[in-house]
Amino acid sequence: MTTPSDAVILAKWRDESAPLLPLLHAFHERDGHLSEEALRTISDDLRIPIADLFGTVTFYHHFARKPGGRGHPRVCTGPVCALRGADDLLAGLPGALPMPCPGRCDEPIPVLERDQVRCGATVAELQSGPSPLPPDPPPGIEECVFAHIRAPGRATLAGYRGSGGYSGLAAALRGRPEEVLDLIDASGLAGRGGAGFPTGRKWRAVAEAAGEPKSIVCNADEGEPGCFKDRALMDYDPHAVIEGMLAAGFATGATRGFIYLRYEYPDTLDILERALDEARAEGLIGPAAFGPRRPFDLWVRRGAGAYICGEETSLLNSLEGKHPFPRNRPPFPVTHGYENLPTVVNNVETLASIPHILVHGADWYRGLGIGEHAGTKVISLSGDVERPGNYEVPMGFPLMTLIDGGGGGVPGGRAIQAVTMAGLSGGFLAGEDLEVTLDEPSIRSKGSFLGAGGIMVFDDSRDMVEVAHSAMEFFAEESCGKCFPCRIGTQRLTERLHGGGPSDVGDWIDEVHDLGVTMKETSACGLGQAAPLITESLLRYFPDRVSRHVTASG
């Protein structure tokens, strides 16, 4: 195979939408790193100041700057893998580097080497394979996004159409965009990526906003430790995500879309590209997607490893080739999104719900929840449970029923000490507060939130101060540095959990509390606002362990 020249790579990408990331990836893959010469070539061609481009490239974890850097294995040292021997595996692989959680908590320990992911507890056990399918649902539970995911061949266009795929979109295209907006409004579907904003309201805001062209962006940058649901949906049901984006485009008047995929999912990238090729060949995507002279095109853009890009405005900046800092809001993406134009940003699970709602209706979707809660939620369950995996349950489902039922309980007859909510961002729940139901009102009443639905279980053998330190260290590493309350606050809290700070317990608690309040009230985005939930919940549930930690450190 001929190695492409600089000119060939530049000619392929410079005139494409959102060209910087694919250009960087192309040079990175060709050379095994991003050299200064390559960066200057890109800088000159795209007319990006070299200092700005260098700052952007070095922000991402997976762009190597030294020759051969792309070939170094990267070993997950996230919260679950750390408990499974990640440090030993890291030491046993020559040239290996640590990386934050790459979204495979259901099959620890993952190792990423170039574009191959292998999993195993030891070097000898490492092997590649497909993403685990979700376990079958418990009797009596009706699924939405997982309803057909286990059908053989579901990831292909023929397999997707075999169970009714694209029929909901076809029916919608025979009607008016306003009818789709009304349907999604009535369903009660809210964002499943963490924010929980009503989907119909977001779409309607974009439809009514001035400015063209409008865009649909799928946030597939599933970077929250403990979350791995979107990978399963994209690997086994990519056309559901595409159909959801097409429906959003029709309803809002958008003519283009992007799937922003996290770097650590190379197999998913191939699956999505094949699905898009199939949809494009059938005319589902293209110049007449919604009828004559009503185009909609769709592309995948691969990230490069940055937790903050899961925040929608950071993601948009990354797509645009800018340094991926969060934007100040307002204005919001619905009016000033991609290229400062009206943009829908939805999570993978949210978009995958749309085709089912189009087929079955708003009342059906609302009826899937328990009580007044609408719909379902996919929970990524991992840690000290017998059966880690993705479980789709009704909104309002009891947490302990999920852990003891689908998850099979804690191994070895041990007891649950704590669980994390919202991946890491929601902090810990423990004791009587484990009797919550999986919905925002119930969990927020305990000082946490459901978020994207990642739940890690820690049994009574775990040191919760060490778990909290690891979590805060992650947030300190992933802080974008734009605002000082988060940049400094996460670092100071990491130090306090590692043994620094006042030796008096009362003084230590006062300082940690003050840091948390400042971060929550003044940080620019959700990272700095959520990180203090780790220390708040640690103090709430484990005050004696904190006292021993401070005393021993002093």
Protein backbone atom coordinates (compact mmCIF):
# COMPACT_ATOMS: atom_id res chain seq x y z
CA MET A 1 0.00 0.00 0.00
CA THR A 2 1.40 3.40 -1.04
CA THR A 3 2.08 5.83 1.77
CA PRO A 4 0.07 9.00 1.10
CA SER A 5 2.02 12.21 0.66
CA ASP A 6 1.33 15.42 2.54
CA ALA A 7 -0.35 16.83 -0.56
CA VAL A 8 -2.66 13.83 -0.92
CA ILE A 9 -3.73 13.97 2.73
CA LEU A 10 -4.33 17.71 2.60
CA ALA A 11 -6.28 17.48 -0.65
CA LYS A 12 -8.53 14.79 0.83
CA TRP A 13 -9.50 16.72 3.96
CA ARG A 14 -8.96 20.47 3.62
CA ASP A 15 -12.33 21.17 1.99
CA GLU A 16 -14.32 18.72 4.13
CA SER A 17 -16.52 19.80 7.02
CA ALA A 18 -14.63 19.87 10.35
CA PRO A 19 -11.29 18.98 8.71
CA LEU A 20 -8.70 19.45 11.46
CA LEU A 21 -9.24 16.27 13.50
CA PRO A 22 -9.23 13.91 10.50
CA LEU A 23 -6.15 15.69 9.12
CA LEU A 24 -4.31 15.24 12.40
CA HIS A 25 -5.32 11.59 12.56
CA ALA A 26 -4.16 10.99 8.99
CA PHE A 27 -0.66 12.38 9.66
CA HIS A 28 -0.55 10.63 13.05
CA GLU A 29 -1.38 7.26 11.51
CA ARG A 30 1.02 7.70 8.60
CA ASP A 31 4.03 8.79 10.64
CA GLY A 32 3.35 7.19 14.02
CA HIS A 33 3.45 10.63 15.66
CA LEU A 34 2.78 14.28 14.92
CA SER A 35 6.07 15.89 14.01
CA GLU A 36 6.77 19.61 14.08
CA GLU A 37 7.07 19.48 10.29
CA ALA A 38 3.61 17.91 9.98
CA LEU A 39 2.09 20.50 12.30
CA ARG A 40 3.63 23.34 10.32
CA THR A 41 2.30 21.84 7.10
CA ILE A 42 -1.21 21.65 8.54
CA SER A 43 -0.89 25.10 10.08
CA ASP A 44 0.06 26.65 6.74
CA ASP A 45 -2.63 24.83 4.79
CA LEU A 46 -5.54 25.52 7.16
CA ARG A 47 -4.19 28.93 8.15
CA ILE A 48 -4.18 28.09 11.85
CA PRO A 49 -1.45 29.86 13.86
CA ILE A 50 1.20 27.29 14.75
CA ALA A 51 1.07 28.23 18.44
CA ASP A 52 -2.69 27.65 18.52
CA LEU A 53 -2.36 24.33 16.70
CA PHE A 54 0.42 23.15 19.01
CA GLY A 55 -1.66 24.03 22.07
CA THR A 56 -4.64 22.16 20.67
CA VAL A 57 -2.69 19.03 19.73
CA THR A 58 -0.93 18.77 23.08
CA PHE A 59 -4.27 19.03 24.87
CA TYR A 60 -5.33 15.58 23.61
CA HIS A 61 -4.02 12.42 25.27
CA HIS A 62 -3.58 10.22 22.23
CA PHE A 63 -1.65 12.40 19.79
CA ALA A 64 1.97 11.30 20.19
CA ARG A 65 4.65 13.94 19.61
CA LYS A 66 7.68 11.63 19.62
CA PRO A 67 8.57 9.11 16.85
CA GLY A 68 6.91 5.76 17.44
CA GLY A 69 4.67 7.17 20.15
CA ARG A 70 1.46 5.98 18.54
CA GLY A 71 2.66 2.39 18.88
CA HIS A 72 3.02 2.44 22.66
CA PRO A 73 0.36 0.30 24.40
CA ARG A 74 -1.99 2.26 26.63
CA VAL A 75 -3.37 0.52 29.71
CA CYS A 76 -6.52 1.60 31.52
CA THR A 77 -5.82 2.64 35.11
CA GLY A 78 -9.39 3.80 35.80
CA PRO A 79 -11.30 3.05 39.02
CA VAL A 80 -12.47 -0.47 38.11
CA CYS A 81 -9.29 -1.58 36.35
CA ALA A 82 -7.16 -0.26 39.21
CA LEU A 83 -8.89 -2.82 41.44
CA ARG A 84 -8.21 -5.60 38.94
CA GLY A 85 -4.43 -5.28 38.72
CA ALA A 86 -3.94 -2.53 36.14
CA ASP A 87 -0.62 -1.46 37.66
CA ASP A 88 0.81 -4.98 37.28
CA LEU A 89 -0.38 -5.18 33.70
CA LEU A 90 1.10 -1.76 32.97
CA ALA A 91 4.46 -2.85 34.38
CA GLY A 92 4.38 -6.06 32.35
CA LEU A 93 3.95 -4.44 28.93
CA PRO A 94 7.16 -2.92 27.52
CA GLY A 95 6.72 0.76 26.72
CA ALA A 96 3.17 0.84 28.06
CA LEU A 97 1.57 4.07 29.23
CA PRO A 98 -1.42 4.60 31.54
CA MET A 99 -4.65 6.03 30.16
CA PRO A 100 -7.93 7.13 31.74
CA CYS A 101 -10.97 4.85 31.57
CA PRO A 102 -11.57 3.92 27.90
CA GLY A 103 -15.15 2.71 28.43
CA ARG A 104 -14.67 -1.03 28.92
CA CYS A 105 -15.42 -1.44 32.62
CA ASP A 106 -17.51 -4.50 31.72
CA GLU A 107 -14.37 -6.37 30.58
CA PRO A 108 -11.32 -5.14 32.47
CA ILE A 109 -8.49 -4.55 31.74
CA PRO A 110 -8.43 -2.92 28.27
CA VAL A 111 -5.20 -2.16 26.43
CA LEU A 112 -5.24 0.13 23.39
CA GLU A 113 -2.39 -0.37 20.90
CA ARG A 114 -2.64 1.64 17.69
CA ASP A 115 -6.20 0.81 16.57
CA GLN A 116 -6.60 -2.48 18.39
CA VAL A 117 -8.20 -2.99 21.79
CA ARG A 118 -7.38 -6.12 23.77
CA CYS A 119 -8.72 -7.00 27.20
CA GLY A 120 -7.47 -9.27 29.96
CA ALA A 121 -6.27 -9.36 33.55
CA THR A 122 -2.69 -10.31 32.60
CA VAL A 123 -0.44 -9.91 29.57
CA ALA A 124 -0.97 -13.57 28.67
CA GLU A 125 -4.75 -13.21 28.78
CA LEU A 126 -5.03 -10.17 26.54
CA GLN A 127 -7.26 -10.75 23.54
CA SER A 128 -9.50 -8.76 21.24
CA GLY A 129 -13.19 -9.39 20.68
CA PRO A 130 -16.54 -7.72 20.11
CA SER A 131 -18.25 -5.61 22.72
CA PRO A 132 -20.33 -7.69 25.15
CA LEU A 133 -24.01 -7.75 24.29
CA PRO A 134 -26.40 -6.54 26.99
CA PRO A 135 -27.77 -9.38 29.14
CA ASP A 136 -31.39 -10.31 28.55
CA PRO A 137 -33.80 -8.11 30.51
CA PRO A 138 -35.51 -9.44 33.63
CA PRO A 139 -39.03 -10.83 33.11
CA GLY A 140 -41.66 -8.13 32.80
CA ILE A 141 -39.32 -5.34 31.72
CA GLU A 142 -39.88 -3.92 28.23
CA GLU A 143 -36.86 -2.37 26.59
CA CYS A 144 -36.62 0.52 24.16
CA VAL A 145 -33.11 0.98 22.75
CA PHE A 146 -32.11 -2.63 23.49
CA ALA A 147 -35.34 -4.12 22.12
CA HIS A 148 -33.71 -5.52 18.94
CA ILE A 149 -30.03 -5.12 19.70
CA ARG A 150 -29.42 -8.86 20.20
CA ALA A 151 -30.82 -9.81 16.77
CA PRO A 152 -28.07 -11.28 14.54
CA GLY A 153 -26.97 -8.83 11.86
CA ARG A 154 -28.70 -5.87 13.48
CA ALA A 155 -25.70 -3.63 12.70
CA THR A 156 -26.24 -4.02 8.95
CA LEU A 157 -28.83 -2.09 6.96
CA ALA A 158 -30.61 -5.32 5.99
CA GLY A 159 -30.68 -6.53 9.58
CA TYR A 160 -31.90 -3.17 10.83
CA ARG A 161 -34.69 -3.00 8.27
CA GLY A 162 -35.61 -6.60 9.06
CA SER A 163 -36.99 -5.48 12.44
CA GLY A 164 -38.65 -2.28 11.24
CA GLY A 165 -35.67 0.03 11.00
CA TYR A 166 -36.19 3.29 9.10
CA SER A 167 -39.96 2.70 8.96
CA GLY A 168 -40.52 5.37 11.61
CA LEU A 169 -38.46 7.87 9.64
CA ALA A 170 -40.31 7.00 6.42
CA ALA A 171 -43.63 7.70 8.12
CA ALA A 172 -42.32 10.96 9.57
CA LEU A 173 -41.15 12.15 6.14
CA ARG A 174 -44.70 11.74 4.84
CA GLY A 175 -45.85 14.29 7.41
CA ARG A 176 -44.66 17.66 8.65
CA PRO A 177 -41.62 18.49 10.80
CA GLU A 178 -43.95 20.05 13.38
CA GLU A 179 -45.61 16.66 13.90
CA VAL A 180 -42.26 15.10 14.83
CA LEU A 181 -41.55 17.91 17.28
CA ASP A 182 -44.95 17.42 18.89
CA LEU A 183 -44.39 13.65 19.16
CA ILE A 184 -40.99 13.95 20.84
CA ASP A 185 -42.36 16.63 23.17
CA ALA A 186 -45.27 14.42 24.17
CA SER A 187 -43.03 11.38 24.76
CA GLY A 188 -41.21 13.06 27.63
CA LEU A 189 -37.83 11.96 26.26
CA ALA A 190 -35.04 13.87 27.97
CA GLY A 191 -31.32 13.84 27.30
CA ARG A 192 -29.73 10.55 28.32
CA GLY A 193 -26.17 11.85 28.32
CA GLY A 194 -26.40 13.43 31.76
CA ALA A 195 -28.09 16.82 31.52
CA GLY A 196 -31.64 15.50 31.18
CA PHE A 197 -32.88 18.46 29.11
CA PRO A 198 -36.20 17.78 27.30
CA THR A 199 -35.31 16.60 23.79
CA GLY A 200 -38.41 18.01 22.11
CA ARG A 201 -37.79 21.44 23.58
CA LYS A 202 -34.19 21.44 22.34
CA TRP A 203 -35.23 20.41 18.82
CA ARG A 204 -37.96 23.02 18.72
CA ALA A 205 -35.53 25.75 19.77
CA VAL A 206 -33.25 24.85 16.86
CA ALA A 207 -36.17 24.66 14.44
CA GLU A 208 -37.26 28.16 15.43
CA ALA A 209 -33.76 29.68 15.55
CA ALA A 210 -32.49 31.94 12.80
CA GLY A 211 -29.42 30.95 10.82
CA GLU A 212 -28.39 28.36 8.22
CA PRO A 213 -27.10 25.72 7.85
CA LYS A 214 -28.28 24.02 11.01
CA SER A 215 -26.53 20.95 12.40
CA ILE A 216 -27.22 17.77 14.37
CA VAL A 217 -24.32 16.57 16.51
CA CYS A 218 -24.24 13.18 18.19
CA ASN A 219 -22.12 13.32 21.33
CA ALA A 220 -20.46 9.90 21.28
CA ASP A 221 -17.49 11.01 23.38
CA GLU A 222 -18.37 8.63 26.20
CA GLY A 223 -15.51 9.63 28.47
CA GLU A 224 -17.07 9.36 31.94
CA PRO A 225 -15.38 6.54 33.90
CA GLY A 226 -17.85 3.73 34.48
CA CYS A 227 -19.92 4.48 31.35
CA PHE A 228 -19.87 2.12 28.37
CA LYS A 229 -23.47 2.02 27.14
CA ASP A 230 -23.01 4.12 24.02
CA ARG A 231 -20.35 1.74 22.71
CA ALA A 232 -22.83 -1.16 22.80
CA LEU A 233 -25.49 0.88 21.02
CA MET A 234 -23.14 2.03 18.26
CA ASP A 235 -21.53 -1.39 17.82
CA TYR A 236 -24.77 -3.33 17.53
CA ASP A 237 -27.35 -0.75 16.46
CA PRO A 238 -25.57 2.01 14.50
CA HIS A 239 -28.49 2.57 12.14
CA ALA A 240 -30.73 3.47 15.09
CA VAL A 241 -28.37 6.35 15.89
CA ILE A 242 -28.32 7.38 12.22
CA GLU A 243 -32.12 7.22 11.97
CA GLY A 244 -32.44 9.30 15.12
CA MET A 245 -30.13 11.93 13.65
CA LEU A 246 -32.06 11.97 10.38
CA ALA A 247 -35.33 12.46 12.27
CA ALA A 248 -33.73 15.33 14.20
CA GLY A 249 -32.55 16.86 10.95
CA PHE A 250 -35.98 16.64 9.37
CA ALA A 251 -37.71 18.07 12.44
CA THR A 252 -35.34 21.02 12.84
CA GLY A 253 -34.46 21.85 9.24
CA ALA A 254 -30.82 20.83 9.70
CA THR A 255 -28.87 19.77 6.62
CA ARG A 256 -25.74 18.27 8.15
CA GLY A 257 -24.71 16.09 11.03
CA PHE A 258 -21.62 14.87 12.87
CA ILE A 259 -21.00 11.89 15.10
CA TYR A 260 -18.20 12.92 17.46
CA LEU A 261 -16.71 9.57 18.49
CA ARG A 262 -14.23 9.07 21.30
CA TYR A 263 -10.76 7.95 20.22
CA GLU A 264 -10.75 4.82 22.37
CA TYR A 265 -13.44 3.10 20.23
CA PRO A 266 -11.54 2.17 17.02
CA ASP A 267 -13.77 -0.83 16.25
CA THR A 268 -16.85 1.36 16.63
CA LEU A 269 -15.40 3.81 14.12
CA ASP A 270 -15.28 1.07 11.48
CA ILE A 271 -18.84 -0.04 12.28
CA LEU A 272 -20.21 3.49 12.03
CA GLU A 273 -18.40 4.17 8.76
CA ARG A 274 -19.84 0.99 7.22
CA ALA A 275 -23.33 1.89 8.38
CA LEU A 276 -23.01 5.40 6.95
CA ASP A 277 -21.81 3.98 3.63
CA GLU A 278 -24.86 1.69 3.54
CA ALA A 279 -27.24 4.53 4.36
CA ARG A 280 -25.61 6.80 1.78
CA ALA A 281 -25.80 4.13 -0.92
CA GLU A 282 -29.54 3.76 -0.28
CA GLY A 283 -30.13 7.50 -0.48
CA LEU A 284 -31.08 7.76 3.19
CA ILE A 285 -28.24 10.26 3.55
CA GLY A 286 -27.35 12.70 0.80
CA PRO A 287 -28.74 15.40 -1.47
CA ALA A 288 -32.33 14.11 -1.37
CA ALA A 289 -32.50 12.59 2.12
CA PHE A 290 -35.76 14.41 2.92
CA GLY A 291 -37.05 14.77 -0.64
CA PRO A 292 -36.01 16.82 -3.68
CA ARG A 293 -33.60 19.65 -2.79
CA ARG A 294 -33.77 18.72 0.90
CA PRO A 295 -30.28 17.39 1.72
CA PHE A 296 -28.82 15.90 4.85
CA ASP A 297 -25.27 14.61 5.03
CA LEU A 298 -23.57 12.96 7.95
CA TRP A 299 -19.96 12.31 8.95
CA VAL A 300 -17.99 10.71 11.78
CA ARG A 301 -15.26 12.76 13.41
CA ARG A 302 -12.94 10.94 15.81
CA GLY A 303 -11.75 12.66 18.96
CA ALA A 304 -8.25 12.25 20.34
CA GLY A 305 -8.73 11.65 24.06
CA ALA A 306 -9.99 14.50 26.22
CA TYR A 307 -12.65 14.01 28.90
CA ILE A 308 -13.77 17.63 28.65
CA CYS A 309 -14.92 17.05 25.06
CA GLY A 310 -17.92 15.22 26.49
CA GLU A 311 -19.14 18.68 27.49
CA GLU A 312 -21.14 19.87 24.49
CA THR A 313 -19.50 23.24 23.94
CA SER A 314 -15.99 21.78 24.30
CA LEU A 315 -17.03 19.17 21.75
CA LEU A 316 -18.18 21.86 19.34
CA ASN A 317 -14.90 23.73 19.71
CA SER A 318 -13.04 20.49 19.06
CA LEU A 319 -15.10 19.86 15.91
CA GLU A 320 -14.31 23.36 14.69
CA GLY A 321 -10.59 22.77 15.12
CA LYS A 322 -10.27 25.07 18.10
CA HIS A 323 -8.77 24.47 21.52
CA PRO A 324 -11.51 22.45 23.25
CA PHE A 325 -12.26 24.79 26.12
CA PRO A 326 -15.90 24.99 27.29
CA ARG A 327 -17.74 28.06 26.02
CA ASN A 328 -19.47 30.58 28.20
CA ARG A 329 -23.24 30.13 28.16
CA PRO A 330 -25.48 31.86 27.14
CA PRO A 331 -25.58 31.82 24.19
CA PHE A 332 -26.45 28.13 23.97
CA PRO A 333 -25.76 25.72 21.11
CA VAL A 334 -29.41 25.76 20.03
CA THR A 335 -28.75 29.25 18.63
CA HIS A 336 -24.93 29.47 18.56
CA GLY A 337 -23.54 25.97 18.14
CA TYR A 338 -21.33 24.54 15.40
CA GLU A 339 -19.87 27.45 13.45
CA ASN A 340 -21.97 29.74 15.65
CA LEU A 341 -25.19 28.46 14.04
CA PRO A 342 -28.23 26.60 15.47
CA THR A 343 -27.18 23.11 16.54
CA VAL A 344 -28.78 20.12 18.27
CA VAL A 345 -26.34 18.18 20.46
CA ASN A 346 -27.78 14.87 21.61
CA ASN A 347 -26.30 11.80 23.25
CA VAL A 348 -26.16 8.38 21.54
CA GLU A 349 -28.82 6.84 23.78
CA THR A 350 -31.15 9.79 23.25
CA LEU A 351 -30.91 9.52 19.47
CA ALA A 352 -31.26 5.72 19.51
CA SER A 353 -34.57 6.13 21.36
CA ILE A 354 -36.09 8.23 18.56
CA PRO A 355 -36.81 5.46 16.00
CA HIS A 356 -38.73 3.48 18.61
CA ILE A 357 -40.81 6.50 19.59
CA LEU A 358 -41.57 7.21 15.92
CA VAL A 359 -42.92 3.67 15.52
CA HIS A 360 -44.66 3.08 18.84
CA GLY A 361 -45.75 6.58 19.83
CA ALA A 362 -45.44 8.96 22.75
CA ASP A 363 -47.82 7.15 25.10
CA TRP A 364 -45.93 3.89 24.66
CA TYR A 365 -42.62 5.52 25.55
CA ARG A 366 -44.04 7.32 28.57
CA GLY A 367 -45.55 4.06 29.75
CA LEU A 368 -42.17 2.33 29.90
CA GLY A 369 -41.27 4.30 33.03
CA ILE A 370 -42.47 3.68 36.56
CA GLY A 371 -45.04 6.08 37.97
CA GLU A 372 -44.64 9.57 36.58
CA HIS A 373 -41.23 8.84 35.07
CA ALA A 374 -41.10 8.56 31.28
CA GLY A 375 -39.15 5.96 29.37
CA THR A 376 -36.12 3.86 30.19
CA LYS A 377 -32.48 4.39 31.08
CA VAL A 378 -29.47 2.28 30.19
CA ILE A 379 -27.28 1.72 33.24
CA SER A 380 -23.64 0.71 32.89
CA LEU A 381 -23.00 -1.44 35.97
CA SER A 382 -19.46 -2.42 36.92
CA GLY A 383 -17.04 -2.92 39.79
CA ASP A 384 -17.66 -5.44 42.53
CA VAL A 385 -20.66 -7.19 40.98
CA GLU A 386 -21.03 -10.70 39.63
CA ARG A 387 -22.41 -9.65 36.24
CA PRO A 388 -21.15 -6.27 35.04
CA GLY A 389 -22.79 -4.97 31.89
CA ASN A 390 -25.38 -2.67 30.38
CA TYR A 391 -28.94 -2.94 31.69
CA GLU A 392 -31.93 -1.05 30.31
CA VAL A 393 -34.44 -0.48 33.10
CA PRO A 394 -37.54 1.68 33.56
CA MET A 395 -36.90 5.15 34.92
CA GLY A 396 -37.73 4.86 38.60
CA PHE A 397 -36.34 1.31 38.94
CA PRO A 398 -34.83 0.50 42.39
CA LEU A 399 -31.04 0.64 42.45
CA MET A 400 -30.63 -2.39 44.74
CA THR A 401 -32.97 -4.48 42.62
CA LEU A 402 -30.68 -3.84 39.67
CA ILE A 403 -27.49 -4.64 41.61
CA ASP A 404 -28.83 -7.78 43.28
CA GLY A 405 -30.94 -8.92 40.35
CA GLY A 406 -29.36 -8.22 36.98
CA GLY A 407 -25.93 -7.59 38.47
CA GLY A 408 -26.06 -10.74 40.57
CA GLY A 409 -24.97 -9.01 43.75
CA VAL A 410 -21.49 -8.63 45.22
CA PRO A 411 -19.07 -11.57 44.76
CA GLY A 412 -17.64 -13.59 47.59
CA GLY A 413 -20.43 -12.89 50.04
CA ARG A 414 -19.10 -9.41 50.74
CA ALA A 415 -21.31 -6.37 51.39
CA ILE A 416 -21.67 -3.20 49.37
CA GLN A 417 -19.73 -0.35 50.89
CA ALA A 418 -20.59 2.33 48.32
CA VAL A 419 -21.52 2.96 44.72
CA THR A 420 -20.66 5.85 42.46
CA MET A 421 -23.36 7.66 40.52
CA ALA A 422 -23.12 9.35 37.10
CA GLY A 423 -19.88 7.48 36.51
CA LEU A 424 -17.69 9.40 38.93
CA SER A 425 -19.31 12.81 38.66
CA GLY A 426 -22.14 12.11 41.08
CA GLY A 427 -19.89 11.05 43.94
CA PHE A 428 -20.83 8.18 46.26
CA LEU A 429 -24.02 6.75 47.70
CA ALA A 430 -23.86 4.42 50.69
CA GLY A 431 -25.84 3.07 53.64
CA GLU A 432 -29.56 3.75 53.65
CA ASP A 433 -29.21 6.00 50.61
CA LEU A 434 -28.67 2.92 48.46
CA GLU A 435 -32.44 2.47 48.63
CA VAL A 436 -32.95 5.07 45.90
CA THR A 437 -34.70 4.63 42.60
CA LEU A 438 -32.97 5.31 39.31
CA ASP A 439 -34.36 8.73 38.43
CA GLU A 440 -33.11 12.25 38.96
CA PRO A 441 -35.54 13.36 41.71
CA SER A 442 -34.75 10.36 43.93
CA ILE A 443 -30.99 10.53 43.49
CA ARG A 444 -30.76 14.32 43.69
CA SER A 445 -32.58 14.14 47.03
CA LYS A 446 -29.48 12.30 48.30
CA GLY A 447 -27.07 14.94 47.04
CA SER A 448 -26.08 13.15 43.84
CA PHE A 449 -27.46 12.71 40.31
CA LEU A 450 -28.05 9.95 37.77
CA GLY A 451 -26.24 11.59 34.87
CA ALA A 452 -25.21 9.27 32.05
CA GLY A 453 -26.00 6.21 34.15
CA GLY A 454 -22.60 4.78 35.06
CA ILE A 455 -22.63 2.95 38.41
CA MET A 456 -19.52 1.42 39.97
CA VAL A 457 -19.91 -0.83 43.00
CA PHE A 458 -17.27 -1.03 45.75
CA ASP A 459 -17.42 -3.79 48.34
CA ASP A 460 -16.47 -3.55 52.00
CA SER A 461 -12.83 -4.47 51.35
CA ARG A 462 -12.13 -1.24 49.46
CA ASP A 463 -10.42 1.82 50.93
CA MET A 464 -12.86 4.61 50.07
CA VAL A 465 -10.31 7.37 50.70
CA GLU A 466 -8.07 5.77 48.10
CA VAL A 467 -11.02 5.41 45.71
CA ALA A 468 -11.85 9.08 46.25
CA HIS A 469 -8.23 10.08 45.70
CA SER A 470 -8.10 8.17 42.43
CA ALA A 471 -11.32 9.85 41.29
CA MET A 472 -10.14 13.34 42.18
CA GLU A 473 -6.77 12.69 40.54
CA PHE A 474 -8.68 11.88 37.35
CA PHE A 475 -10.61 15.15 37.52
CA ALA A 476 -7.40 17.11 38.19
CA GLU A 477 -5.75 15.52 35.16
CA GLU A 478 -8.77 16.13 32.92
CA SER A 479 -9.48 19.71 34.02
CA CYS A 480 -9.08 21.81 30.89
CA GLY A 481 -7.43 24.61 32.89
CA LYS A 482 -9.65 27.38 31.54
CA CYS A 483 -10.94 28.49 34.96
CA PHE A 484 -8.84 28.58 38.08
CA PRO A 485 -11.49 27.28 40.57
CA CYS A 486 -11.49 23.91 38.80
CA ARG A 487 -7.84 23.91 37.77
CA ILE A 488 -6.58 24.67 41.27
CA GLY A 489 -9.45 23.17 43.25
CA THR A 490 -9.19 19.67 41.81
CA GLN A 491 -5.43 19.71 42.41
CA ARG A 492 -5.82 20.84 46.02
CA LEU A 493 -8.50 18.23 46.73
CA THR A 494 -6.27 15.55 45.21
CA GLU A 495 -3.48 16.64 47.56
CA ARG A 496 -5.80 16.57 50.57
CA LEU A 497 -6.92 13.04 49.73
CA HIS A 498 -3.30 11.96 49.27
CA GLY A 499 -2.25 13.15 52.71
CA GLY A 500 -1.53 16.85 52.42
CA GLY A 501 -3.12 19.77 54.23
CA PRO A 502 -4.01 20.52 57.84
CA SER A 503 -3.33 17.84 60.45
CA ASP A 504 -6.35 18.87 62.51
CA VAL A 505 -9.46 17.02 61.34
CA GLY A 506 -11.74 20.01 61.79
CA ASP A 507 -9.42 22.31 59.84
CA TRP A 508 -9.05 19.71 57.09
CA ILE A 509 -12.82 19.38 56.74
CA ASP A 510 -13.31 23.16 56.73
CA GLU A 511 -10.71 23.61 54.00
CA VAL A 512 -12.13 20.81 51.83
CA HIS A 513 -15.63 22.22 52.30
CA ASP A 514 -14.53 25.74 51.31
CA LEU A 515 -12.76 24.41 48.22
CA GLY A 516 -15.87 22.51 47.20
CA VAL A 517 -18.22 25.45 47.64
CA THR A 518 -15.96 27.72 45.60
CA MET A 519 -15.65 25.17 42.82
CA LYS A 520 -19.39 24.49 42.63
CA GLU A 521 -20.31 28.17 42.54
CA THR A 522 -17.65 29.54 40.20
CA SER A 523 -16.36 26.79 37.87
CA ALA A 524 -17.02 27.31 34.17
CA CYS A 525 -18.46 23.86 33.44
CA GLY A 526 -19.77 20.65 34.95
CA LEU A 527 -16.37 19.13 35.69
CA GLY A 528 -15.47 21.66 38.35
CA GLN A 529 -19.03 21.82 39.63
CA ALA A 530 -19.33 18.03 40.04
CA ALA A 531 -15.87 17.06 41.30
CA PRO A 532 -16.54 18.26 44.90
CA LEU A 533 -19.34 15.69 45.16
CA ILE A 534 -16.58 13.12 45.63
CA THR A 535 -15.27 14.73 48.82
CA GLU A 536 -18.71 15.81 50.03
CA SER A 537 -20.06 12.28 49.84
CA LEU A 538 -16.87 10.80 51.28
CA LEU A 539 -17.28 13.03 54.35
CA ARG A 540 -21.00 12.27 54.58
CA TYR A 541 -20.73 8.49 54.54
CA PHE A 542 -17.23 7.77 55.85
CA PRO A 543 -16.31 10.44 58.45
CA ASP A 544 -14.39 7.99 60.63
CA ARG A 545 -12.26 6.84 57.70
CA VAL A 546 -11.56 10.49 56.82
CA SER A 547 -10.54 11.21 60.41
CA ARG A 548 -8.09 8.29 60.37
CA HIS A 549 -6.70 9.50 57.05
CA VAL A 550 -6.10 13.04 58.32
CA THR A 551 -4.64 11.88 61.61
CA ALA A 552 -2.29 9.43 59.92
CA SER A 553 -1.19 12.05 57.42
CA GLY A 554 -0.43 14.55 60.15
